Amino acid sequence: MIYSRRRSHGTAPTGFYRFENIRSRTGMTGYGDGDFVRLRDEHGNIWNGRADVQDDTAIRYTFRDDSGKSISGGSDSFVIVLRDEKGNTWRGFVE
């Protein structure tokens, strides 16, 4: 029997996430490990999310908070762009 090493996490970026609202310049920060991402906004709300790898350069992000609000978006290899239910745009990156 041949054994191989199993990957515990996907190929989503792991590290510190930083987002900024384009209009109000408010921010969200957090961390990601594999496909799980947790963010905290300026009001102290926690956003739990998931990073689904679409192909080699595209990743789809979806986040929800405790009150049921959602933010979703995607990224190429350089920048992450998210949009919330009210149409606000958030831009960010992974350090």
N, C-alpha and C. Protein backbone atom coordinates (compact mmCIF):
# COMPACT_ATOMS: atom_id res chain seq x y z
N MET A 1 0.83 -1.16 0.00
CA MET A 1 0.00 0.00 0.00
C MET A 1 0.88 1.24 0.00
N ILE A 2 0.54 2.19 -0.85
CA ILE A 2 1.32 3.42 -0.97
C ILE A 2 0.61 4.53 -0.18
N TYR A 3 1.38 5.19 0.65
CA TYR A 3 0.84 6.28 1.44
C TYR A 3 1.30 7.61 0.85
N SER A 4 0.41 8.56 0.89
CA SER A 4 0.79 9.90 0.44
C SER A 4 0.34 10.91 1.47
N ARG A 5 1.02 12.00 1.48
CA ARG A 5 0.70 13.07 2.42
C ARG A 5 -0.59 13.76 1.99
N ARG A 6 -1.50 13.98 2.93
CA ARG A 6 -2.75 14.67 2.63
C ARG A 6 -2.60 16.13 2.97
N ARG A 7 -3.15 16.97 2.13
CA ARG A 7 -3.14 18.40 2.40
C ARG A 7 -4.29 18.73 3.34
N SER A 8 -3.99 19.47 4.40
CA SER A 8 -5.03 19.81 5.36
C SER A 8 -5.78 21.08 4.96
N HIS A 9 -5.20 21.90 4.09
CA HIS A 9 -5.82 23.14 3.68
C HIS A 9 -5.75 23.26 2.16
N GLY A 10 -6.64 24.08 1.61
CA GLY A 10 -6.65 24.32 0.17
C GLY A 10 -5.51 25.24 -0.23
N THR A 11 -5.59 25.73 -1.43
CA THR A 11 -4.54 26.61 -1.92
C THR A 11 -4.91 28.07 -1.77
N ALA A 12 -5.90 28.38 -0.94
CA ALA A 12 -6.28 29.77 -0.69
C ALA A 12 -5.16 30.45 0.10
N PRO A 13 -5.01 31.77 -0.09
CA PRO A 13 -3.93 32.47 0.61
C PRO A 13 -4.11 32.45 2.12
N THR A 14 -3.03 32.19 2.82
CA THR A 14 -3.03 32.18 4.28
C THR A 14 -2.26 33.41 4.74
N GLY A 15 -2.83 34.14 5.69
CA GLY A 15 -2.14 35.33 6.19
C GLY A 15 -3.11 36.34 6.74
N PHE A 16 -2.65 37.60 6.79
CA PHE A 16 -3.41 38.68 7.37
C PHE A 16 -4.16 39.42 6.25
N TYR A 17 -5.48 39.55 6.40
CA TYR A 17 -6.32 40.22 5.41
C TYR A 17 -6.60 41.64 5.86
N ARG A 18 -6.58 42.58 4.91
CA ARG A 18 -6.86 43.98 5.19
C ARG A 18 -7.76 44.53 4.10
N PHE A 19 -8.93 45.08 4.48
CA PHE A 19 -9.89 45.65 3.53
C PHE A 19 -10.21 47.09 3.91
N GLU A 20 -10.56 47.89 2.89
CA GLU A 20 -10.97 49.27 3.11
C GLU A 20 -12.18 49.59 2.26
N ASN A 21 -13.18 50.23 2.87
CA ASN A 21 -14.37 50.66 2.15
C ASN A 21 -13.97 51.85 1.28
N ILE A 22 -14.37 51.85 0.02
CA ILE A 22 -13.95 52.90 -0.90
C ILE A 22 -14.55 54.24 -0.52
N ARG A 23 -15.82 54.27 -0.13
CA ARG A 23 -16.49 55.54 0.19
C ARG A 23 -16.08 56.10 1.55
N SER A 24 -16.24 55.31 2.59
CA SER A 24 -16.08 55.82 3.95
C SER A 24 -14.67 55.64 4.50
N ARG A 25 -13.81 54.92 3.82
CA ARG A 25 -12.45 54.65 4.26
C ARG A 25 -12.38 53.89 5.59
N THR A 26 -13.47 53.21 5.96
CA THR A 26 -13.44 52.36 7.15
C THR A 26 -12.81 51.02 6.77
N GLY A 27 -12.32 50.31 7.76
CA GLY A 27 -11.59 49.10 7.44
C GLY A 27 -12.10 47.85 8.12
N MET A 28 -11.66 46.72 7.57
CA MET A 28 -11.86 45.40 8.17
C MET A 28 -10.52 44.70 8.11
N THR A 29 -10.18 44.00 9.17
CA THR A 29 -8.95 43.24 9.21
C THR A 29 -9.23 41.87 9.78
N GLY A 30 -8.35 40.94 9.49
CA GLY A 30 -8.51 39.60 10.02
C GLY A 30 -7.44 38.66 9.51
N TYR A 31 -7.68 37.39 9.69
CA TYR A 31 -6.71 36.39 9.29
C TYR A 31 -7.40 35.28 8.51
N GLY A 32 -6.61 34.55 7.77
CA GLY A 32 -7.11 33.40 7.03
C GLY A 32 -6.15 32.25 7.15
N ASP A 33 -6.71 31.06 7.25
CA ASP A 33 -5.91 29.85 7.30
C ASP A 33 -6.56 28.84 6.38
N GLY A 34 -5.94 28.60 5.25
CA GLY A 34 -6.54 27.72 4.25
C GLY A 34 -7.76 28.39 3.66
N ASP A 35 -8.90 27.70 3.66
CA ASP A 35 -10.09 28.28 3.07
C ASP A 35 -10.97 29.01 4.08
N PHE A 36 -10.59 29.06 5.37
CA PHE A 36 -11.37 29.75 6.40
C PHE A 36 -10.78 31.14 6.63
N VAL A 37 -11.67 32.17 6.66
CA VAL A 37 -11.24 33.55 6.88
C VAL A 37 -12.14 34.16 7.94
N ARG A 38 -11.57 34.88 8.89
CA ARG A 38 -12.33 35.60 9.91
C ARG A 38 -11.88 37.06 9.92
N LEU A 39 -12.87 37.97 9.79
CA LEU A 39 -12.60 39.41 9.76
C LEU A 39 -13.33 40.10 10.90
N ARG A 40 -12.82 41.26 11.31
CA ARG A 40 -13.48 42.12 12.29
C ARG A 40 -13.54 43.51 11.70
N ASP A 41 -14.76 44.10 11.70
CA ASP A 41 -14.91 45.44 11.14
C ASP A 41 -14.71 46.50 12.22
N GLU A 42 -14.88 47.78 11.84
CA GLU A 42 -14.62 48.88 12.77
C GLU A 42 -15.64 48.96 13.91
N HIS A 43 -16.79 48.30 13.76
CA HIS A 43 -17.81 48.28 14.80
C HIS A 43 -17.66 47.08 15.73
N GLY A 44 -16.69 46.21 15.49
CA GLY A 44 -16.47 45.04 16.32
C GLY A 44 -17.21 43.80 15.86
N ASN A 45 -17.93 43.87 14.74
CA ASN A 45 -18.65 42.70 14.22
C ASN A 45 -17.66 41.69 13.65
N ILE A 46 -17.94 40.43 13.89
CA ILE A 46 -17.11 39.34 13.37
C ILE A 46 -17.75 38.80 12.10
N TRP A 47 -16.96 38.69 11.04
CA TRP A 47 -17.40 38.14 9.76
C TRP A 47 -16.63 36.85 9.51
N ASN A 48 -17.33 35.72 9.46
CA ASN A 48 -16.72 34.44 9.15
C ASN A 48 -16.95 34.16 7.68
N GLY A 49 -15.93 33.66 7.02
CA GLY A 49 -16.08 33.45 5.59
C GLY A 49 -15.26 32.30 5.07
N ARG A 50 -15.37 32.15 3.79
CA ARG A 50 -14.76 31.04 3.09
C ARG A 50 -14.13 31.53 1.80
N ALA A 51 -12.98 30.99 1.46
CA ALA A 51 -12.29 31.30 0.22
C ALA A 51 -12.32 30.05 -0.65
N ASP A 52 -13.07 30.09 -1.74
CA ASP A 52 -13.16 28.95 -2.66
C ASP A 52 -12.30 29.22 -3.88
N VAL A 53 -11.34 28.35 -4.11
CA VAL A 53 -10.43 28.50 -5.25
C VAL A 53 -11.15 28.06 -6.51
N GLN A 54 -11.27 28.96 -7.49
CA GLN A 54 -11.94 28.67 -8.75
C GLN A 54 -10.96 28.07 -9.77
N ASP A 55 -9.83 28.70 -9.95
CA ASP A 55 -8.76 28.18 -10.80
C ASP A 55 -7.44 28.69 -10.25
N ASP A 56 -6.38 28.69 -11.04
CA ASP A 56 -5.06 29.05 -10.53
C ASP A 56 -4.98 30.48 -10.03
N THR A 57 -5.72 31.41 -10.62
CA THR A 57 -5.59 32.82 -10.24
C THR A 57 -6.85 33.42 -9.63
N ALA A 58 -7.99 32.78 -9.71
CA ALA A 58 -9.25 33.35 -9.22
C ALA A 58 -9.72 32.66 -7.94
N ILE A 59 -10.13 33.48 -6.97
CA ILE A 59 -10.65 32.96 -5.70
C ILE A 59 -11.96 33.69 -5.41
N ARG A 60 -12.97 32.97 -4.97
CA ARG A 60 -14.28 33.52 -4.64
C ARG A 60 -14.42 33.58 -3.12
N TYR A 61 -14.77 34.74 -2.57
CA TYR A 61 -14.91 34.94 -1.13
C TYR A 61 -16.36 35.20 -0.77
N THR A 62 -16.84 34.59 0.31
CA THR A 62 -18.17 34.87 0.86
C THR A 62 -18.03 34.97 2.38
N PHE A 63 -18.65 36.00 2.96
CA PHE A 63 -18.60 36.25 4.40
C PHE A 63 -20.00 36.49 4.93
N ARG A 64 -20.25 36.09 6.18
CA ARG A 64 -21.51 36.35 6.88
C ARG A 64 -21.18 36.76 8.31
N ASP A 65 -22.05 37.65 8.86
CA ASP A 65 -21.90 37.99 10.27
C ASP A 65 -23.03 37.35 11.07
N ASP A 66 -23.07 37.62 12.37
CA ASP A 66 -24.08 36.99 13.24
C ASP A 66 -25.49 37.46 12.95
N SER A 67 -25.66 38.66 12.41
CA SER A 67 -27.00 39.17 12.13
C SER A 67 -27.52 38.76 10.75
N GLY A 68 -26.75 38.00 9.99
CA GLY A 68 -27.21 37.49 8.70
C GLY A 68 -26.79 38.31 7.50
N LYS A 69 -26.05 39.39 7.69
CA LYS A 69 -25.57 40.20 6.57
C LYS A 69 -24.48 39.44 5.84
N SER A 70 -24.33 39.72 4.55
CA SER A 70 -23.32 39.00 3.78
C SER A 70 -22.51 39.96 2.91
N ILE A 71 -21.30 39.56 2.65
CA ILE A 71 -20.38 40.25 1.74
C ILE A 71 -19.77 39.16 0.87
N SER A 72 -19.70 39.42 -0.43
CA SER A 72 -19.09 38.42 -1.32
C SER A 72 -18.32 39.14 -2.41
N GLY A 73 -17.43 38.40 -3.03
CA GLY A 73 -16.62 38.97 -4.10
C GLY A 73 -15.57 38.00 -4.55
N GLY A 74 -14.60 38.52 -5.25
CA GLY A 74 -13.56 37.65 -5.78
C GLY A 74 -12.23 38.36 -5.88
N SER A 75 -11.25 37.62 -6.32
CA SER A 75 -9.92 38.19 -6.46
C SER A 75 -9.20 37.57 -7.64
N ASP A 76 -8.29 38.34 -8.17
CA ASP A 76 -7.32 37.79 -9.10
C ASP A 76 -6.05 37.60 -8.28
N SER A 77 -4.92 37.57 -8.88
CA SER A 77 -3.71 37.32 -8.11
C SER A 77 -3.20 38.57 -7.39
N PHE A 78 -3.84 39.74 -7.57
CA PHE A 78 -3.32 40.97 -6.98
C PHE A 78 -4.22 41.58 -5.91
N VAL A 79 -5.51 41.76 -6.20
CA VAL A 79 -6.39 42.51 -5.30
C VAL A 79 -7.69 41.74 -5.09
N ILE A 80 -8.31 41.93 -3.90
CA ILE A 80 -9.60 41.32 -3.57
C ILE A 80 -10.64 42.44 -3.60
N VAL A 81 -11.75 42.21 -4.27
CA VAL A 81 -12.85 43.18 -4.33
C VAL A 81 -14.10 42.50 -3.81
N LEU A 82 -14.72 43.10 -2.77
CA LEU A 82 -15.94 42.57 -2.16
C LEU A 82 -17.04 43.61 -2.28
N ARG A 83 -18.28 43.15 -2.30
CA ARG A 83 -19.43 44.05 -2.32
C ARG A 83 -20.45 43.53 -1.31
N ASP A 84 -21.00 44.45 -0.49
CA ASP A 84 -21.99 44.05 0.51
C ASP A 84 -23.40 44.24 -0.05
N GLU A 85 -24.41 43.98 0.80
CA GLU A 85 -25.82 44.02 0.37
C GLU A 85 -26.29 45.42 -0.01
N LYS A 86 -25.65 46.45 0.54
CA LYS A 86 -26.03 47.82 0.25
C LYS A 86 -25.32 48.39 -0.97
N GLY A 87 -24.41 47.64 -1.56
CA GLY A 87 -23.69 48.09 -2.74
C GLY A 87 -22.36 48.74 -2.43
N ASN A 88 -21.95 48.75 -1.17
CA ASN A 88 -20.64 49.30 -0.81
C ASN A 88 -19.54 48.36 -1.30
N THR A 89 -18.47 48.95 -1.78
CA THR A 89 -17.35 48.17 -2.31
C THR A 89 -16.18 48.21 -1.33
N TRP A 90 -15.60 47.06 -1.11
CA TRP A 90 -14.44 46.91 -0.23
C TRP A 90 -13.29 46.37 -1.07
N ARG A 91 -12.14 46.99 -0.96
CA ARG A 91 -10.93 46.50 -1.64
C ARG A 91 -9.90 46.11 -0.61
N GLY A 92 -9.16 45.05 -0.91
CA GLY A 92 -8.19 44.60 0.06
C GLY A 92 -7.15 43.69 -0.53
N PHE A 93 -6.32 43.16 0.35
CA PHE A 93 -5.23 42.29 -0.05
C PHE A 93 -4.85 41.40 1.12
N VAL A 94 -3.99 40.44 0.85
CA VAL A 94 -3.47 39.52 1.87
C VAL A 94 -2.00 39.78 2.03
N GLU A 95 -1.58 39.97 3.29
CA GLU A 95 -0.15 40.19 3.58
C GLU A 95 0.52 38.87 3.88
